[in-house]
Amino acid sequence: MRELGRKYREGIVKKHSGGYRQGCCANIGARIKWLKRWLITKDSWIAYLNPKTGHVRAVMLVDKFFHVRTGRLHTGSVKKIHICNLSR
């Protein structure tokens, strides 16, 4: 995958569903199921895979609307991050 850009980090993360809605930073009060995913960060995209099957679950491009938010103010916890781009 060398031609797809430089790889920065990869590893297991826990994520929850709901990223394809408008207003990606909205906080919903519903019960959320957390899933383990293998996250890969590259210079122009981020992808996560199902660690059991190896299937790619989603790819997010680093576009002009890409941003990462951290901290209790933006995520409700000091241990969470929130990633958005034009499509999520």
C-alpha atoms as a PDB file:
ATOM      1  CA  MET A   1       0.000   0.000   0.000  1.00  0.00           C
ATOM      2  CA  ARG A   2       3.011   2.270  -0.354  1.00  0.00           C
ATOM      3  CA  GLU A   3       1.414   4.093  -3.311  1.00  0.00           C
ATOM      4  CA  LEU A   4      -1.560   5.118  -1.129  1.00  0.00           C
ATOM      5  CA  GLY A   5       0.509   7.473   1.012  1.00  0.00           C
ATOM      6  CA  ARG A   6       2.576   7.405   4.159  1.00  0.00           C
ATOM      7  CA  LYS A   7       1.131   5.455   7.091  1.00  0.00           C
ATOM      8  CA  TYR A   8       1.237   7.284  10.413  1.00  0.00           C
ATOM      9  CA  ARG A   9      -0.422   5.062  13.033  1.00  0.00           C
ATOM     10  CA  GLU A  10      -2.685   2.064  13.330  1.00  0.00           C
ATOM     11  CA  GLY A  11      -4.303   0.111  16.149  1.00  0.00           C
ATOM     12  CA  ILE A  12      -7.514  -0.946  17.877  1.00  0.00           C
ATOM     13  CA  VAL A  13     -10.068   1.722  18.796  1.00  0.00           C
ATOM     14  CA  LYS A  14     -13.627   1.586  20.071  1.00  0.00           C
ATOM     15  CA  LYS A  15     -16.186   3.463  17.986  1.00  0.00           C
ATOM     16  CA  HIS A  16     -19.921   3.841  17.872  1.00  0.00           C
ATOM     17  CA  SER A  17     -22.248   4.130  14.925  1.00  0.00           C
ATOM     18  CA  GLY A  18     -24.042   7.221  13.744  1.00  0.00           C
ATOM     19  CA  GLY A  19     -21.445   9.083  11.681  1.00  0.00           C
ATOM     20  CA  TYR A  20     -23.478   9.425   8.470  1.00  0.00           C
ATOM     21  CA  ARG A  21     -26.014  11.904   9.820  1.00  0.00           C
ATOM     22  CA  GLN A  22     -26.045  15.649   9.235  1.00  0.00           C
ATOM     23  CA  GLY A  23     -24.709  17.641  12.142  1.00  0.00           C
ATOM     24  CA  CYS A  24     -22.057  15.097  12.942  1.00  0.00           C
ATOM     25  CA  CYS A  25     -21.283  16.676  16.287  1.00  0.00           C
ATOM     26  CA  ALA A  26     -24.819  16.239  17.638  1.00  0.00           C
ATOM     27  CA  ASN A  27     -25.117  14.494  20.985  1.00  0.00           C
ATOM     28  CA  ILE A  28     -27.818  11.867  21.139  1.00  0.00           C
ATOM     29  CA  GLY A  29     -28.992  10.530  24.468  1.00  0.00           C
ATOM     30  CA  ALA A  30     -29.622   6.996  23.224  1.00  0.00           C
ATOM     31  CA  ARG A  31     -27.838   3.884  24.356  1.00  0.00           C
ATOM     32  CA  ILE A  32     -24.819   3.362  22.123  1.00  0.00           C
ATOM     33  CA  LYS A  33     -23.109   0.095  21.230  1.00  0.00           C
ATOM     34  CA  TRP A  34     -19.333   0.455  21.075  1.00  0.00           C
ATOM     35  CA  LEU A  35     -17.525  -1.696  18.496  1.00  0.00           C
ATOM     36  CA  LYS A  36     -13.831  -2.534  18.249  1.00  0.00           C
ATOM     37  CA  ARG A  37     -12.276  -1.476  14.948  1.00  0.00           C
ATOM     38  CA  TRP A  38      -8.754  -1.466  13.535  1.00  0.00           C
ATOM     39  CA  LEU A  39      -7.985   2.176  12.674  1.00  0.00           C
ATOM     40  CA  ILE A  40      -5.377   3.130  10.073  1.00  0.00           C
ATOM     41  CA  THR A  41      -4.285   6.747   9.589  1.00  0.00           C
ATOM     42  CA  LYS A  42      -2.506   7.813   6.413  1.00  0.00           C
ATOM     43  CA  ASP A  43      -1.533  11.228   5.090  1.00  0.00           C
ATOM     44  CA  SER A  44      -4.730  11.701   3.018  1.00  0.00           C
ATOM     45  CA  TRP A  45      -7.278   9.285   4.555  1.00  0.00           C
ATOM     46  CA  ILE A  46      -8.377   7.373   7.651  1.00  0.00           C
ATOM     47  CA  ALA A  47      -9.912   3.905   7.453  1.00  0.00           C
ATOM     48  CA  TYR A  48     -11.288   1.437   9.921  1.00  0.00           C
ATOM     49  CA  LEU A  49     -11.665  -2.297   9.480  1.00  0.00           C
ATOM     50  CA  ASN A  50     -13.436  -5.074  11.309  1.00  0.00           C
ATOM     51  CA  PRO A  51     -10.538  -6.705  13.198  1.00  0.00           C
ATOM     52  CA  LYS A  52     -12.153 -10.167  13.101  1.00  0.00           C
ATOM     53  CA  THR A  53     -12.814 -10.309   9.347  1.00  0.00           C
ATOM     54  CA  GLY A  54     -10.430  -7.698   7.916  1.00  0.00           C
ATOM     55  CA  HIS A  55     -13.254  -6.087   5.913  1.00  0.00           C
ATOM     56  CA  VAL A  56     -12.932  -2.341   5.389  1.00  0.00           C
ATOM     57  CA  ARG A  57     -15.882  -0.711   7.130  1.00  0.00           C
ATOM     58  CA  ALA A  58     -15.272   2.917   6.115  1.00  0.00           C
ATOM     59  CA  VAL A  59     -12.733   5.317   4.648  1.00  0.00           C
ATOM     60  CA  MET A  60     -12.707   9.031   5.465  1.00  0.00           C
ATOM     61  CA  LEU A  61     -10.792  11.392   3.198  1.00  0.00           C
ATOM     62  CA  VAL A  62      -8.830  14.294   4.614  1.00  0.00           C
ATOM     63  CA  ASP A  63     -10.688  17.106   2.836  1.00  0.00           C
ATOM     64  CA  LYS A  64     -11.069  20.819   3.539  1.00  0.00           C
ATOM     65  CA  PHE A  65     -13.806  20.089   6.115  1.00  0.00           C
ATOM     66  CA  PHE A  66     -11.762  17.433   7.948  1.00  0.00           C
ATOM     67  CA  HIS A  67     -11.288  18.122  11.640  1.00  0.00           C
ATOM     68  CA  VAL A  68     -10.608  16.245  14.851  1.00  0.00           C
ATOM     69  CA  ARG A  69     -12.045  17.392  18.163  1.00  0.00           C
ATOM     70  CA  THR A  70     -10.885  16.257  21.564  1.00  0.00           C
ATOM     71  CA  GLY A  71     -11.616  17.068  25.165  1.00  0.00           C
ATOM     72  CA  ARG A  72     -14.644  17.136  27.404  1.00  0.00           C
ATOM     73  CA  LEU A  73     -16.101  20.281  25.820  1.00  0.00           C
ATOM     74  CA  HIS A  74     -16.416  18.707  22.353  1.00  0.00           C
ATOM     75  CA  THR A  75     -16.811  14.998  23.123  1.00  0.00           C
ATOM     76  CA  GLY A  76     -18.184  14.794  26.656  1.00  0.00           C
ATOM     77  CA  SER A  77     -15.077  12.924  27.848  1.00  0.00           C
ATOM     78  CA  VAL A  78     -11.332  13.406  28.067  1.00  0.00           C
ATOM     79  CA  LYS A  79     -10.799   9.934  26.523  1.00  0.00           C
ATOM     80  CA  LYS A  80     -12.811  10.416  23.301  1.00  0.00           C
ATOM     81  CA  ILE A  81     -12.094  11.995  19.928  1.00  0.00           C
ATOM     82  CA  HIS A  82     -14.546  13.124  17.295  1.00  0.00           C
ATOM     83  CA  ILE A  83     -13.579  13.038  13.612  1.00  0.00           C
ATOM     84  CA  CYS A  84     -15.615  14.767  10.868  1.00  0.00           C
ATOM     85  CA  ASN A  85     -15.177  15.486   7.181  1.00  0.00           C
ATOM     86  CA  LEU A  86     -17.378  16.616   4.303  1.00  0.00           C
ATOM     87  CA  SER A  87     -19.288  13.311   4.134  1.00  0.00           C
ATOM     88  CA  ARG A  88     -19.595  12.628   7.908  1.00  0.00           C
END
